[in-house]
Amino acid sequence: QVRLVESGGGSVQAGGSLRLSCVGSGRMRDINAMGWYRQAPGKQRELVAVISNGGNTNYADSVKGRFTITRNNAKNTVYLQMDSLKPEDTAVYFCTGGRWVAQYFVENWGQGTQVTVST
């Protein structure tokens, strides 16, 4: 079992920035990737970004060039730097851990952190 704890959500005006952090603990050797999903009110949960243990990354088209995912393997921590935020980025953001083999399979979820972007 992998436990994931997010922090860093909050409210910001459009054009601003936020940085999310997620610390993993437990059986971290069971996963080879960590990522971020988000869910806006009335919408399906969607993948935002994922990073492998080796540093490979993948982003949703809607956040490319604005969001950056990084990780510190020694600290079992993954970060999501969000710049040029838009109101449509408003959502609950979930940290995830799983296996990335051609496709990212989520096995563990954090509790979520709210990000609100106002005009």
C-alpha atoms as a PDB file:
ATOM      1  CA  GLN A   1       0.000   0.000   0.000  1.00  0.00           C
ATOM      2  CA  VAL A   2       1.225   3.463  -0.941  1.00  0.00           C
ATOM      3  CA  ARG A   3       0.026   6.520   0.957  1.00  0.00           C
ATOM      4  CA  LEU A   4      -0.015   9.876  -0.817  1.00  0.00           C
ATOM      5  CA  VAL A   5      -0.477  13.236   0.900  1.00  0.00           C
ATOM      6  CA  GLU A   6      -0.935  16.417  -1.134  1.00  0.00           C
ATOM      7  CA  SER A   7      -0.380  20.013  -0.127  1.00  0.00           C
ATOM      8  CA  GLY A   8      -0.199  23.408  -1.796  1.00  0.00           C
ATOM      9  CA  GLY A   9      -3.680  23.984  -3.136  1.00  0.00           C
ATOM     10  CA  GLY A  10      -5.466  27.274  -2.736  1.00  0.00           C
ATOM     11  CA  SER A  11      -7.000  30.222  -4.526  1.00  0.00           C
ATOM     12  CA  VAL A  12      -5.282  32.412  -7.067  1.00  0.00           C
ATOM     13  CA  GLN A  13      -6.230  34.919  -9.730  1.00  0.00           C
ATOM     14  CA  ALA A  14      -5.998  34.053 -13.403  1.00  0.00           C
ATOM     15  CA  GLY A  15      -2.441  34.332 -14.643  1.00  0.00           C
ATOM     16  CA  GLY A  16      -1.026  33.419 -11.261  1.00  0.00           C
ATOM     17  CA  SER A  17       0.918  30.393 -10.105  1.00  0.00           C
ATOM     18  CA  LEU A  18       0.614  27.603  -7.558  1.00  0.00           C
ATOM     19  CA  ARG A  19       2.835  24.692  -6.651  1.00  0.00           C
ATOM     20  CA  LEU A  20       1.406  21.400  -5.489  1.00  0.00           C
ATOM     21  CA  SER A  21       3.444  18.854  -3.565  1.00  0.00           C
ATOM     22  CA  CYS A  22       2.779  15.210  -2.810  1.00  0.00           C
ATOM     23  CA  VAL A  23       4.723  13.013  -0.440  1.00  0.00           C
ATOM     24  CA  GLY A  24       4.528   9.264  -0.836  1.00  0.00           C
ATOM     25  CA  SER A  25       5.145   6.626   1.828  1.00  0.00           C
ATOM     26  CA  GLY A  26       4.769   2.899   2.239  1.00  0.00           C
ATOM     27  CA  ARG A  27       5.523   0.417  -0.551  1.00  0.00           C
ATOM     28  CA  MET A  28       6.924   2.952  -2.976  1.00  0.00           C
ATOM     29  CA  ARG A  29       8.924   0.245  -4.740  1.00  0.00           C
ATOM     30  CA  ASP A  30       5.607  -1.133  -6.031  1.00  0.00           C
ATOM     31  CA  ILE A  31       5.121   1.889  -8.310  1.00  0.00           C
ATOM     32  CA  ASN A  32       7.270   3.301 -11.111  1.00  0.00           C
ATOM     33  CA  ALA A  33       5.444   6.566 -11.719  1.00  0.00           C
ATOM     34  CA  MET A  34       3.598   9.349  -9.951  1.00  0.00           C
ATOM     35  CA  GLY A  35       1.197  11.822 -11.409  1.00  0.00           C
ATOM     36  CA  TRP A  36      -1.594  14.308 -10.973  1.00  0.00           C
ATOM     37  CA  TYR A  37      -5.239  13.996 -11.925  1.00  0.00           C
ATOM     38  CA  ARG A  38      -7.898  16.657 -11.543  1.00  0.00           C
ATOM     39  CA  GLN A  39     -11.660  16.726 -11.376  1.00  0.00           C
ATOM     40  CA  ALA A  40     -13.743  19.826 -11.974  1.00  0.00           C
ATOM     41  CA  PRO A  41     -17.366  20.065 -10.847  1.00  0.00           C
ATOM     42  CA  GLY A  42     -19.609  18.083 -13.154  1.00  0.00           C
ATOM     43  CA  LYS A  43     -16.694  16.714 -15.168  1.00  0.00           C
ATOM     44  CA  GLN A  44     -14.817  13.446 -15.329  1.00  0.00           C
ATOM     45  CA  ARG A  45     -11.499  13.026 -13.628  1.00  0.00           C
ATOM     46  CA  GLU A  46      -8.646  13.645 -16.087  1.00  0.00           C
ATOM     47  CA  LEU A  47      -4.917  13.054 -16.167  1.00  0.00           C
ATOM     48  CA  VAL A  48      -2.912  16.267 -15.877  1.00  0.00           C
ATOM     49  CA  ALA A  49       0.677  15.043 -15.819  1.00  0.00           C
ATOM     50  CA  VAL A  50       2.719  11.966 -14.982  1.00  0.00           C
ATOM     51  CA  ILE A  51       6.416  11.384 -14.332  1.00  0.00           C
ATOM     52  CA  SER A  52       8.260   8.093 -14.212  1.00  0.00           C
ATOM     53  CA  ASN A  53      10.973   7.125 -11.740  1.00  0.00           C
ATOM     54  CA  GLY A  54      13.424   7.801 -14.547  1.00  0.00           C
ATOM     55  CA  GLY A  55      12.106  11.293 -15.205  1.00  0.00           C
ATOM     56  CA  ASN A  56      10.020  10.720 -18.335  1.00  0.00           C
ATOM     57  CA  THR A  57       6.980  12.968 -18.413  1.00  0.00           C
ATOM     58  CA  ASN A  58       3.634  13.260 -20.138  1.00  0.00           C
ATOM     59  CA  TYR A  59       1.139  16.121 -20.010  1.00  0.00           C
ATOM     60  CA  ALA A  60      -2.442  16.767 -20.967  1.00  0.00           C
ATOM     61  CA  ASP A  61      -2.604  19.027 -24.000  1.00  0.00           C
ATOM     62  CA  SER A  62      -4.539  21.608 -21.993  1.00  0.00           C
ATOM     63  CA  VAL A  63      -1.616  22.202 -19.603  1.00  0.00           C
ATOM     64  CA  LYS A  64       1.414  21.801 -21.873  1.00  0.00           C
ATOM     65  CA  GLY A  65       3.705  24.796 -21.629  1.00  0.00           C
ATOM     66  CA  ARG A  66       2.036  25.999 -18.409  1.00  0.00           C
ATOM     67  CA  PHE A  67       2.463  23.129 -15.924  1.00  0.00           C
ATOM     68  CA  THR A  68       5.660  21.317 -14.997  1.00  0.00           C
ATOM     69  CA  ILE A  69       5.866  18.036 -13.112  1.00  0.00           C
ATOM     70  CA  THR A  70       9.053  17.135 -11.267  1.00  0.00           C
ATOM     71  CA  ARG A  71      10.021  14.696  -8.577  1.00  0.00           C
ATOM     72  CA  ASN A  72      12.596  14.108  -5.877  1.00  0.00           C
ATOM     73  CA  ASN A  73      13.058  10.356  -5.650  1.00  0.00           C
ATOM     74  CA  ALA A  74      15.118  10.580  -2.456  1.00  0.00           C
ATOM     75  CA  LYS A  75      12.175  12.293  -0.753  1.00  0.00           C
ATOM     76  CA  ASN A  76       9.431  10.274  -2.512  1.00  0.00           C
ATOM     77  CA  THR A  77       7.934  13.613  -3.481  1.00  0.00           C
ATOM     78  CA  VAL A  78       6.340  14.810  -6.700  1.00  0.00           C
ATOM     79  CA  TYR A  79       5.603  18.444  -7.519  1.00  0.00           C
ATOM     80  CA  LEU A  80       3.299  20.192  -9.949  1.00  0.00           C
ATOM     81  CA  GLN A  81       4.291  23.754 -10.779  1.00  0.00           C
ATOM     82  CA  MET A  82       1.281  25.488 -12.300  1.00  0.00           C
ATOM     83  CA  ASP A  83       1.866  28.784 -14.086  1.00  0.00           C
ATOM     84  CA  SER A  84      -0.384  31.023 -16.167  1.00  0.00           C
ATOM     85  CA  LEU A  85      -3.381  29.536 -14.420  1.00  0.00           C
ATOM     86  CA  LYS A  86      -6.796  29.857 -16.019  1.00  0.00           C
ATOM     87  CA  PRO A  87     -10.276  29.657 -14.490  1.00  0.00           C
ATOM     88  CA  GLU A  88     -10.761  26.346 -16.297  1.00  0.00           C
ATOM     89  CA  ASP A  89      -7.917  24.906 -14.209  1.00  0.00           C
ATOM     90  CA  THR A  90     -10.209  25.104 -11.185  1.00  0.00           C
ATOM     91  CA  ALA A  91     -10.589  21.567  -9.837  1.00  0.00           C
ATOM     92  CA  VAL A  92      -9.682  19.168  -7.091  1.00  0.00           C
ATOM     93  CA  TYR A  93      -6.199  17.883  -7.849  1.00  0.00           C
ATOM     94  CA  PHE A  94      -5.302  14.336  -6.845  1.00  0.00           C
ATOM     95  CA  CYS A  95      -1.831  12.920  -6.465  1.00  0.00           C
ATOM     96  CA  THR A  96      -1.499   9.405  -7.836  1.00  0.00           C
ATOM     97  CA  GLY A  97       0.975   6.554  -7.861  1.00  0.00           C
ATOM     98  CA  GLY A  98       1.033   3.625 -10.234  1.00  0.00           C
ATOM     99  CA  ARG A  99       2.649   1.768 -13.089  1.00  0.00           C
ATOM    100  CA  TRP A 100       3.516   3.433 -16.394  1.00  0.00           C
ATOM    101  CA  VAL A 101       4.030   0.938 -19.187  1.00  0.00           C
ATOM    102  CA  ALA A 102       2.914   2.503 -22.469  1.00  0.00           C
ATOM    103  CA  GLN A 103      -0.078   3.678 -20.455  1.00  0.00           C
ATOM    104  CA  TYR A 104      -0.338   4.986 -16.912  1.00  0.00           C
ATOM    105  CA  PHE A 105      -2.257   2.680 -14.588  1.00  0.00           C
ATOM    106  CA  VAL A 106      -3.174   4.368 -11.312  1.00  0.00           C
ATOM    107  CA  GLU A 107      -3.030   2.179  -8.224  1.00  0.00           C
ATOM    108  CA  ASN A 108      -3.041   4.732  -5.436  1.00  0.00           C
ATOM    109  CA  TRP A 109      -4.830   8.047  -4.842  1.00  0.00           C
ATOM    110  CA  GLY A 110      -4.282  10.930  -2.492  1.00  0.00           C
ATOM    111  CA  GLN A 111      -7.158  12.702  -0.785  1.00  0.00           C
ATOM    112  CA  GLY A 112      -7.113  15.674  -3.163  1.00  0.00           C
ATOM    113  CA  THR A 113      -6.438  19.366  -2.811  1.00  0.00           C
ATOM    114  CA  GLN A 114      -8.619  22.191  -4.121  1.00  0.00           C
ATOM    115  CA  VAL A 115      -7.288  24.668  -6.669  1.00  0.00           C
ATOM    116  CA  THR A 116      -9.487  27.654  -7.458  1.00  0.00           C
ATOM    117  CA  VAL A 117      -8.611  30.169 -10.155  1.00  0.00           C
ATOM    118  CA  SER A 118     -10.680  33.332 -10.295  1.00  0.00           C
ATOM    119  CA  THR A 119     -11.007  35.899 -13.067  1.00  0.00           C
END
